């Protein structure tokens, strides 16, 4: 059995290797998004230059 035949038998489109690969891919994406997806804080009132965030928030809900 050659190396390519062994690799094909392990990495072929079978249920278990495909499921494990999909699980690892989804886990990698989930953890990458969990670590990098951050929301910055709202600016302080001194840096808002007249922007009323409370009024903007209520405008979004009406």
C-alpha atoms as a PDB file:
ATOM      1  CA  UNK A   1       0.000   0.000   0.000  1.00  0.00           C
ATOM      2  CA  UNK A   2       1.505   3.317  -1.046  1.00  0.00           C
ATOM      3  CA  UNK A   3       1.468   6.530   0.931  1.00  0.00           C
ATOM      4  CA  UNK A   4      -1.128   8.072  -1.362  1.00  0.00           C
ATOM      5  CA  UNK A   5      -3.399   5.060  -0.968  1.00  0.00           C
ATOM      6  CA  UNK A   6      -3.104   5.241   2.822  1.00  0.00           C
ATOM      7  CA  UNK A   7      -3.823   8.967   2.781  1.00  0.00           C
ATOM      8  CA  UNK A   8      -6.810   8.416   0.507  1.00  0.00           C
ATOM      9  CA  UNK A   9      -8.210   5.726   2.802  1.00  0.00           C
ATOM     10  CA  UNK A  10      -7.918   7.958   5.871  1.00  0.00           C
ATOM     11  CA  UNK A  11      -8.889  11.276   4.302  1.00  0.00           C
ATOM     12  CA  UNK A  12     -11.496   9.955   1.890  1.00  0.00           C
ATOM     13  CA  UNK A  13     -15.064  11.205   1.908  1.00  0.00           C
ATOM     14  CA  UNK A  14     -16.234   8.970   4.700  1.00  0.00           C
ATOM     15  CA  UNK A  15     -18.508   9.871   7.565  1.00  0.00           C
ATOM     16  CA  UNK A  16     -16.071   9.996  10.478  1.00  0.00           C
ATOM     17  CA  UNK A  17     -13.160  11.921   8.885  1.00  0.00           C
ATOM     18  CA  UNK A  18     -15.550  14.380   7.261  1.00  0.00           C
ATOM     19  CA  UNK A  19     -17.436  14.923  10.525  1.00  0.00           C
ATOM     20  CA  UNK A  20     -14.219  15.436  12.478  1.00  0.00           C
ATOM     21  CA  UNK A  21     -12.902  17.888   9.876  1.00  0.00           C
ATOM     22  CA  UNK A  22     -16.183  19.838   9.887  1.00  0.00           C
ATOM     23  CA  UNK A  23     -16.220  19.922  13.695  1.00  0.00           C
ATOM     24  CA  UNK A  24     -12.636  21.191  13.836  1.00  0.00           C
ATOM     25  CA  UNK A  25     -13.340  23.823  11.181  1.00  0.00           C
ATOM     26  CA  UNK A  26     -16.449  25.104  12.989  1.00  0.00           C
ATOM     27  CA  UNK A  27     -14.622  25.095  16.334  1.00  0.00           C
ATOM     28  CA  UNK A  28     -11.717  27.066  14.854  1.00  0.00           C
ATOM     29  CA  UNK A  29     -14.074  29.657  13.376  1.00  0.00           C
ATOM     30  CA  UNK A  30     -16.083  29.901  16.603  1.00  0.00           C
ATOM     31  CA  UNK A  31     -13.033  30.387  18.815  1.00  0.00           C
ATOM     32  CA  UNK A  32     -11.448  32.849  16.384  1.00  0.00           C
ATOM     33  CA  UNK A  33     -14.620  34.946  16.381  1.00  0.00           C
ATOM     34  CA  UNK A  34     -14.949  34.711  20.149  1.00  0.00           C
ATOM     35  CA  UNK A  35     -11.435  36.017  20.642  1.00  0.00           C
ATOM     36  CA  UNK A  36     -11.399  38.732  17.970  1.00  0.00           C
ATOM     37  CA  UNK A  37     -14.993  39.970  17.917  1.00  0.00           C
ATOM     38  CA  UNK A  38     -14.932  42.852  20.372  1.00  0.00           C
ATOM     39  CA  UNK A  39     -17.081  45.934  20.520  1.00  0.00           C
ATOM     40  CA  UNK A  40     -15.415  49.176  21.454  1.00  0.00           C
ATOM     41  CA  UNK A  41     -16.852  51.353  24.195  1.00  0.00           C
ATOM     42  CA  UNK A  42     -19.036  54.343  23.422  1.00  0.00           C
ATOM     43  CA  UNK A  43     -17.119  57.617  23.393  1.00  0.00           C
ATOM     44  CA  UNK A  44     -17.222  59.805  26.465  1.00  0.00           C
ATOM     45  CA  UNK A  45     -19.709  62.703  26.358  1.00  0.00           C
ATOM     46  CA  UNK A  46     -16.833  65.157  25.894  1.00  0.00           C
ATOM     47  CA  UNK A  47     -15.813  63.392  22.657  1.00  0.00           C
ATOM     48  CA  UNK A  48     -19.326  62.995  21.215  1.00  0.00           C
ATOM     49  CA  UNK A  49     -19.447  66.525  19.709  1.00  0.00           C
ATOM     50  CA  UNK A  50     -23.137  67.050  20.425  1.00  0.00           C
ATOM     51  CA  UNK A  51     -24.259  63.526  19.590  1.00  0.00           C
ATOM     52  CA  UNK A  52     -27.011  62.302  21.905  1.00  0.00           C
ATOM     53  CA  UNK A  53     -26.673  58.520  22.024  1.00  0.00           C
ATOM     54  CA  UNK A  54     -29.820  58.081  24.114  1.00  0.00           C
ATOM     55  CA  UNK A  55     -31.875  59.955  21.509  1.00  0.00           C
ATOM     56  CA  UNK A  56     -30.256  57.997  18.681  1.00  0.00           C
ATOM     57  CA  UNK A  57     -31.081  54.744  20.478  1.00  0.00           C
ATOM     58  CA  UNK A  58     -34.744  55.718  20.891  1.00  0.00           C
ATOM     59  CA  UNK A  59     -34.893  56.808  17.235  1.00  0.00           C
ATOM     60  CA  UNK A  60     -33.764  53.335  16.191  1.00  0.00           C
ATOM     61  CA  UNK A  61     -36.652  51.723  18.064  1.00  0.00           C
ATOM     62  CA  UNK A  62     -39.412  53.927  16.611  1.00  0.00           C
END
